[in-house]
Amino acid sequence: MDPARMIADLETKARELARRSREVQDGIRAVAATVRSPDGWVTATVAPNGALRDISFSLPAEGLSDAQLGWVVMTTVQRAQAQVARQVAEVVQPDFAGTAAMEFMAAYLPDEPRADVPRADQPRADVPVGVRADVSAGVPRREPEPSDLPLPRSLWCPAEAGEPSSR
């Protein structure tokens, strides 16, 4: 094969890859998701990376506890994050379908969070006593025991702090 033709073909492929890369980047930048909670109390908009861009509230005059509002906010934001993650995957899928990169990305697509809102007067049934619901992750989390927590450096004895003993 002619070396000049090979170079020309490689340059054409490089230009096409650069063009397609710009299209994918533009497609990802254009992605956003706005989700409203089923009750209409919370509307959240997230960026392509899942970062919260905007949140607005339309709350009832009374009867909504702090816990209920927190749950509605978190599930609404999580639904928007899940939606935007799927949109980003759709943008890159044509170029990465069947690759390890696409399999990796698909493995980390978030599930839709539960939409049911806990009642303020009733503890969540899925969280055992002694375990706190970690709302940010949507899963129960054990509270650390006092012995699990490290001592502040100011309370270390001199030998533990790496300082010479005063004895």
Protein backbone atom coordinates (compact mmCIF):
# COMPACT_ATOMS: atom_id res chain seq x y z
CA MET A 1 0.00 0.00 0.00
CA ASP A 2 1.11 3.52 -0.79
CA PRO A 3 2.51 5.28 2.34
CA ALA A 4 0.96 8.60 1.29
CA ARG A 5 -2.47 6.93 1.01
CA MET A 6 -2.04 5.31 4.44
CA ILE A 7 -1.23 8.68 5.99
CA ALA A 8 -4.21 10.30 4.25
CA ASP A 9 -6.52 7.53 5.53
CA LEU A 10 -5.19 7.93 9.08
CA GLU A 11 -5.70 11.70 8.92
CA THR A 12 -9.28 11.19 7.70
CA LYS A 13 -9.96 8.76 10.56
CA ALA A 14 -8.40 11.18 13.07
CA ARG A 15 -10.60 14.04 11.82
CA GLU A 16 -13.69 11.80 12.03
CA LEU A 17 -12.80 10.73 15.59
CA ALA A 18 -12.26 14.37 16.61
CA ARG A 19 -15.62 15.33 15.07
CA ARG A 20 -17.42 12.48 16.80
CA SER A 21 -15.68 13.32 20.10
CA ARG A 22 -16.98 16.91 19.86
CA GLU A 23 -20.49 15.58 19.15
CA VAL A 24 -20.39 13.30 22.20
CA GLN A 25 -19.05 16.10 24.41
CA ASP A 26 -21.78 18.46 23.15
CA GLY A 27 -24.39 15.76 23.70
CA ILE A 28 -23.26 15.18 27.28
CA ARG A 29 -23.15 18.93 28.00
CA ALA A 30 -26.75 19.24 26.76
CA VAL A 31 -28.04 16.56 29.10
CA ALA A 32 -30.00 17.62 32.17
CA ALA A 33 -32.89 16.13 34.09
CA THR A 34 -35.70 17.92 35.87
CA VAL A 35 -37.89 15.73 38.06
CA ARG A 36 -40.92 16.65 40.14
CA SER A 37 -41.88 14.57 43.17
CA PRO A 38 -45.13 12.61 42.77
CA ASP A 39 -46.87 14.95 45.22
CA GLY A 40 -45.52 18.07 43.45
CA TRP A 41 -43.79 19.35 46.61
CA VAL A 42 -40.23 19.29 45.19
CA THR A 43 -38.75 19.88 41.74
CA ALA A 44 -35.04 19.17 41.20
CA THR A 45 -32.77 19.75 38.21
CA VAL A 46 -29.40 18.04 37.90
CA ALA A 47 -26.41 18.51 35.60
CA PRO A 48 -24.88 15.78 33.41
CA ASN A 49 -22.58 14.73 36.27
CA GLY A 50 -25.54 14.44 38.67
CA ALA A 51 -24.79 17.68 40.54
CA LEU A 52 -27.83 19.53 41.78
CA ARG A 53 -28.40 22.65 39.64
CA ASP A 54 -31.74 23.82 40.98
CA ILE A 55 -34.35 22.87 43.52
CA SER A 56 -37.74 24.42 44.15
CA PHE A 57 -40.52 23.75 46.63
CA SER A 58 -44.29 23.95 46.57
CA LEU A 59 -45.10 22.77 50.07
CA PRO A 60 -48.49 22.22 51.69
CA ALA A 61 -49.52 24.74 54.32
CA GLU A 62 -49.28 22.18 57.12
CA GLY A 63 -48.84 18.52 57.92
CA LEU A 64 -45.36 17.96 56.47
CA SER A 65 -42.63 16.93 58.89
CA ASP A 66 -38.93 17.67 58.43
CA ALA A 67 -38.33 13.94 57.94
CA GLN A 68 -40.95 13.73 55.20
CA LEU A 69 -39.57 16.79 53.42
CA GLY A 70 -36.03 15.38 53.63
CA TRP A 71 -37.20 12.08 52.18
CA VAL A 72 -39.08 13.79 49.33
CA VAL A 73 -36.09 16.01 48.52
CA MET A 74 -33.62 13.12 48.48
CA THR A 75 -35.77 10.75 46.43
CA THR A 76 -36.59 13.51 43.93
CA VAL A 77 -32.91 14.41 43.51
CA GLN A 78 -31.96 10.72 43.25
CA ARG A 79 -34.62 10.17 40.56
CA ALA A 80 -33.21 13.12 38.60
CA GLN A 81 -29.67 11.77 39.00
CA ALA A 82 -30.75 8.34 37.77
CA GLN A 83 -32.49 9.91 34.79
CA VAL A 84 -29.49 12.05 33.80
CA ALA A 85 -27.12 9.06 34.16
CA ARG A 86 -29.28 7.08 31.73
CA GLN A 87 -29.31 10.04 29.31
CA VAL A 88 -25.51 10.30 29.40
CA ALA A 89 -25.26 6.54 28.76
CA GLU A 90 -27.57 6.94 25.75
CA VAL A 91 -25.30 9.68 24.35
CA VAL A 92 -22.14 7.57 24.53
CA GLN A 93 -23.76 4.20 23.74
CA PRO A 94 -23.49 4.47 19.91
CA ASP A 95 -19.70 4.81 20.12
CA PHE A 96 -19.03 2.50 23.05
CA ALA A 97 -21.64 -0.27 22.73
CA GLY A 98 -20.16 -3.67 23.48
CA THR A 99 -16.98 -2.26 25.00
CA ALA A 100 -15.62 -2.71 28.51
CA ALA A 101 -16.05 1.05 29.02
CA MET A 102 -19.79 0.84 28.31
CA GLU A 103 -20.17 -2.24 30.52
CA PHE A 104 -18.39 -0.35 33.31
CA MET A 105 -20.64 2.67 32.88
CA ALA A 106 -23.79 0.54 32.76
CA ALA A 107 -22.79 -1.26 35.95
CA TYR A 108 -22.88 2.05 37.82
CA LEU A 109 -26.18 3.37 36.50
CA PRO A 110 -28.28 4.12 39.59
CA ASP A 111 -31.57 2.39 40.28
CA GLU A 112 -34.73 4.41 40.70
CA PRO A 113 -35.13 5.25 44.39
CA ARG A 114 -38.22 4.22 46.30
CA ALA A 115 -40.98 6.75 45.85
CA ASP A 116 -42.96 6.07 49.03
CA VAL A 117 -42.73 8.75 51.70
CA PRO A 118 -42.46 7.66 55.34
CA ARG A 119 -45.12 8.96 57.70
CA ALA A 120 -43.80 11.32 60.35
CA ASP A 121 -45.48 9.41 63.17
CA GLN A 122 -44.15 6.00 62.16
CA PRO A 123 -40.51 4.80 61.91
CA ARG A 124 -39.41 3.29 58.63
CA ALA A 125 -40.03 -0.46 58.65
CA ASP A 126 -36.92 -1.22 56.58
CA VAL A 127 -34.56 0.28 59.17
CA PRO A 128 -33.89 -1.86 62.28
CA VAL A 129 -33.71 -0.27 65.72
CA GLY A 130 -30.19 1.09 66.37
CA VAL A 131 -29.57 1.74 62.69
CA ARG A 132 -30.01 5.15 61.11
CA ALA A 133 -31.37 5.58 57.60
CA ASP A 134 -28.64 7.18 55.53
CA VAL A 135 -30.91 9.28 53.32
CA SER A 136 -28.09 10.32 50.98
CA ALA A 137 -27.45 6.73 49.93
CA GLY A 138 -30.96 5.40 50.48
CA VAL A 139 -29.68 2.53 52.61
CA PRO A 140 -29.56 1.82 56.34
CA ARG A 141 -26.28 2.62 58.08
CA ARG A 142 -25.11 1.56 61.53
CA GLU A 143 -24.32 4.43 63.86
CA PRO A 144 -20.69 4.19 65.02
CA GLU A 145 -20.11 3.01 68.55
CA PRO A 146 -18.21 5.51 70.72
CA SER A 147 -15.24 3.11 70.73
CA ASP A 148 -15.21 3.19 66.88
CA LEU A 149 -14.61 6.92 66.79
CA PRO A 150 -10.99 8.10 66.83
CA LEU A 151 -9.87 10.42 69.61
CA PRO A 152 -9.09 13.96 68.54
CA ARG A 153 -5.33 14.48 68.27
CA SER A 154 -5.46 16.98 71.17
CA LEU A 155 -6.54 14.12 73.49
CA TRP A 156 -3.77 11.70 72.51
CA CYS A 157 -1.17 10.93 75.14
CA PRO A 158 2.30 12.26 74.19
CA ALA A 159 3.65 8.78 73.31
CA GLU A 160 0.75 8.18 70.86
CA ALA A 161 1.16 11.59 69.28
CA GLY A 162 4.78 10.86 68.47
CA GLU A 163 5.97 13.48 70.92
CA PRO A 164 8.60 12.83 73.61
CA SER A 165 7.16 11.92 76.99
CA SER A 166 7.25 14.63 79.64
CA ARG A 167 8.45 12.12 82.27
